[in-house]
Amino acid sequence: MADVPITLGGRTHHIACRDGSEDQVARLGKLLEQRWDAAKQASGGLNDERTLLFVALMLADGLDEAQRGSGGTGADDKLIARIGDQLESIALALEQAVPKD
């Protein structure tokens, strides 16, 4: 198992992943970090858990838009489903890594 550090809101989280998946997890972590400031603002800045929920909603909105835009056919469906599965895995890992208030 590999361990990939990702930073969200100034805090570093270590995410376990399959060997060879490190670059992908790092890229996905950067996608999360890119949305952090907007999500923090949208969440009212209450706490990191709520901010993380808003990051997930922003990504889900983008995924939904991609699904509707693709017409939902063929290879696009498989790619979108795979991306959705990966986002769910990362969200679960982050949820487990964020300390409860």
Protein backbone atom coordinates (compact mmCIF):
# COMPACT_ATOMS: atom_id res chain seq x y z
CA MET A 1 0.00 0.00 0.00
CA ALA A 2 1.18 3.47 -0.85
CA ASP A 3 0.64 6.58 1.26
CA VAL A 4 -0.08 9.90 -0.45
CA PRO A 5 -0.14 13.19 1.44
CA ILE A 6 -2.78 15.67 0.28
CA THR A 7 -3.38 19.09 1.75
CA LEU A 8 -6.84 20.54 2.28
CA GLY A 9 -7.41 23.85 3.99
CA GLY A 10 -3.82 23.95 5.17
CA ARG A 11 -4.00 20.51 6.81
CA THR A 12 -2.15 17.50 5.45
CA HIS A 13 -3.93 14.15 5.27
CA HIS A 14 -2.26 10.87 4.41
CA ILE A 15 -4.35 8.72 2.06
CA ALA A 16 -3.60 5.03 1.61
CA CYS A 17 -3.93 3.76 -1.94
CA ARG A 18 -2.82 0.90 -4.17
CA ASP A 19 0.77 0.98 -5.33
CA GLY A 20 0.90 2.75 -8.67
CA SER A 21 -2.12 4.97 -7.87
CA GLU A 22 -0.11 7.67 -6.11
CA ASP A 23 -0.13 10.17 -8.99
CA GLN A 24 -3.86 9.78 -9.50
CA VAL A 25 -4.64 10.27 -5.80
CA ALA A 26 -2.35 13.34 -5.72
CA ARG A 27 -4.15 14.79 -8.78
CA LEU A 28 -7.54 14.19 -7.20
CA GLY A 29 -6.32 15.77 -3.98
CA LYS A 30 -5.36 18.88 -5.96
CA LEU A 31 -8.89 18.98 -7.42
CA LEU A 32 -10.26 18.99 -3.89
CA GLU A 33 -7.85 21.69 -2.74
CA GLN A 34 -8.74 23.88 -5.74
CA ARG A 35 -12.34 23.95 -4.53
CA TRP A 36 -11.56 24.34 -0.83
CA ASP A 37 -11.73 28.15 -0.58
CA ALA A 38 -15.04 28.40 -2.46
CA ALA A 39 -16.47 25.52 -0.40
CA LYS A 40 -15.29 27.11 2.85
CA GLN A 41 -17.08 30.31 1.89
CA ALA A 42 -20.23 28.44 0.79
CA SER A 43 -20.29 26.43 4.03
CA GLY A 44 -20.17 29.57 6.13
CA GLY A 45 -16.74 28.55 7.43
CA LEU A 46 -18.34 26.55 10.22
CA ASN A 47 -15.97 23.57 10.23
CA ASP A 48 -13.83 21.41 7.98
CA GLU A 49 -16.38 18.60 7.86
CA ARG A 50 -19.04 20.92 6.45
CA THR A 51 -16.51 22.42 4.04
CA LEU A 52 -15.66 18.91 2.86
CA LEU A 53 -19.36 18.27 2.27
CA PHE A 54 -19.51 21.36 0.05
CA VAL A 55 -16.40 20.23 -1.87
CA ALA A 56 -18.16 16.90 -2.47
CA LEU A 57 -21.31 18.69 -3.63
CA MET A 58 -19.30 20.85 -6.05
CA LEU A 59 -17.63 17.76 -7.51
CA ALA A 60 -20.94 15.90 -7.67
CA ASP A 61 -22.46 18.87 -9.51
CA GLY A 62 -19.62 18.75 -12.05
CA LEU A 63 -20.08 15.01 -12.46
CA ASP A 64 -23.84 15.43 -12.93
CA GLU A 65 -23.24 18.14 -15.52
CA ALA A 66 -20.78 15.88 -17.38
CA GLN A 67 -23.29 13.03 -17.36
CA ARG A 68 -26.06 15.20 -18.73
CA GLY A 69 -23.75 16.77 -21.30
CA SER A 70 -22.51 13.42 -22.59
CA GLY A 71 -25.98 12.17 -23.34
CA GLY A 72 -25.23 9.22 -21.08
CA THR A 73 -23.99 6.77 -23.67
CA GLY A 74 -21.26 4.19 -24.11
CA ALA A 75 -17.72 4.78 -22.94
CA ASP A 76 -18.64 8.12 -21.36
CA ASP A 77 -20.91 6.34 -18.88
CA LYS A 78 -18.12 3.96 -17.89
CA LEU A 79 -15.62 6.78 -17.45
CA ILE A 80 -18.05 8.87 -15.43
CA ALA A 81 -18.96 5.88 -13.26
CA ARG A 82 -15.27 5.18 -12.64
CA ILE A 83 -14.63 8.82 -11.72
CA GLY A 84 -17.65 8.73 -9.41
CA ASP A 85 -16.34 5.60 -7.70
CA GLN A 86 -12.93 7.19 -7.23
CA LEU A 87 -14.45 10.36 -5.80
CA GLU A 88 -16.52 8.30 -3.38
CA SER A 89 -13.39 6.44 -2.24
CA ILE A 90 -11.51 9.67 -1.69
CA ALA A 91 -14.44 11.27 0.12
CA LEU A 92 -14.66 8.26 2.43
CA ALA A 93 -10.92 8.35 3.13
CA LEU A 94 -11.06 12.08 3.87
CA GLU A 95 -14.13 11.70 6.04
CA GLN A 96 -12.27 9.12 8.11
CA ALA A 97 -9.17 11.33 8.28
CA VAL A 98 -10.97 14.48 9.48
CA PRO A 99 -11.24 14.48 13.28
CA LYS A 100 -14.76 14.74 14.63
CA ASP A 101 -15.57 17.93 16.56
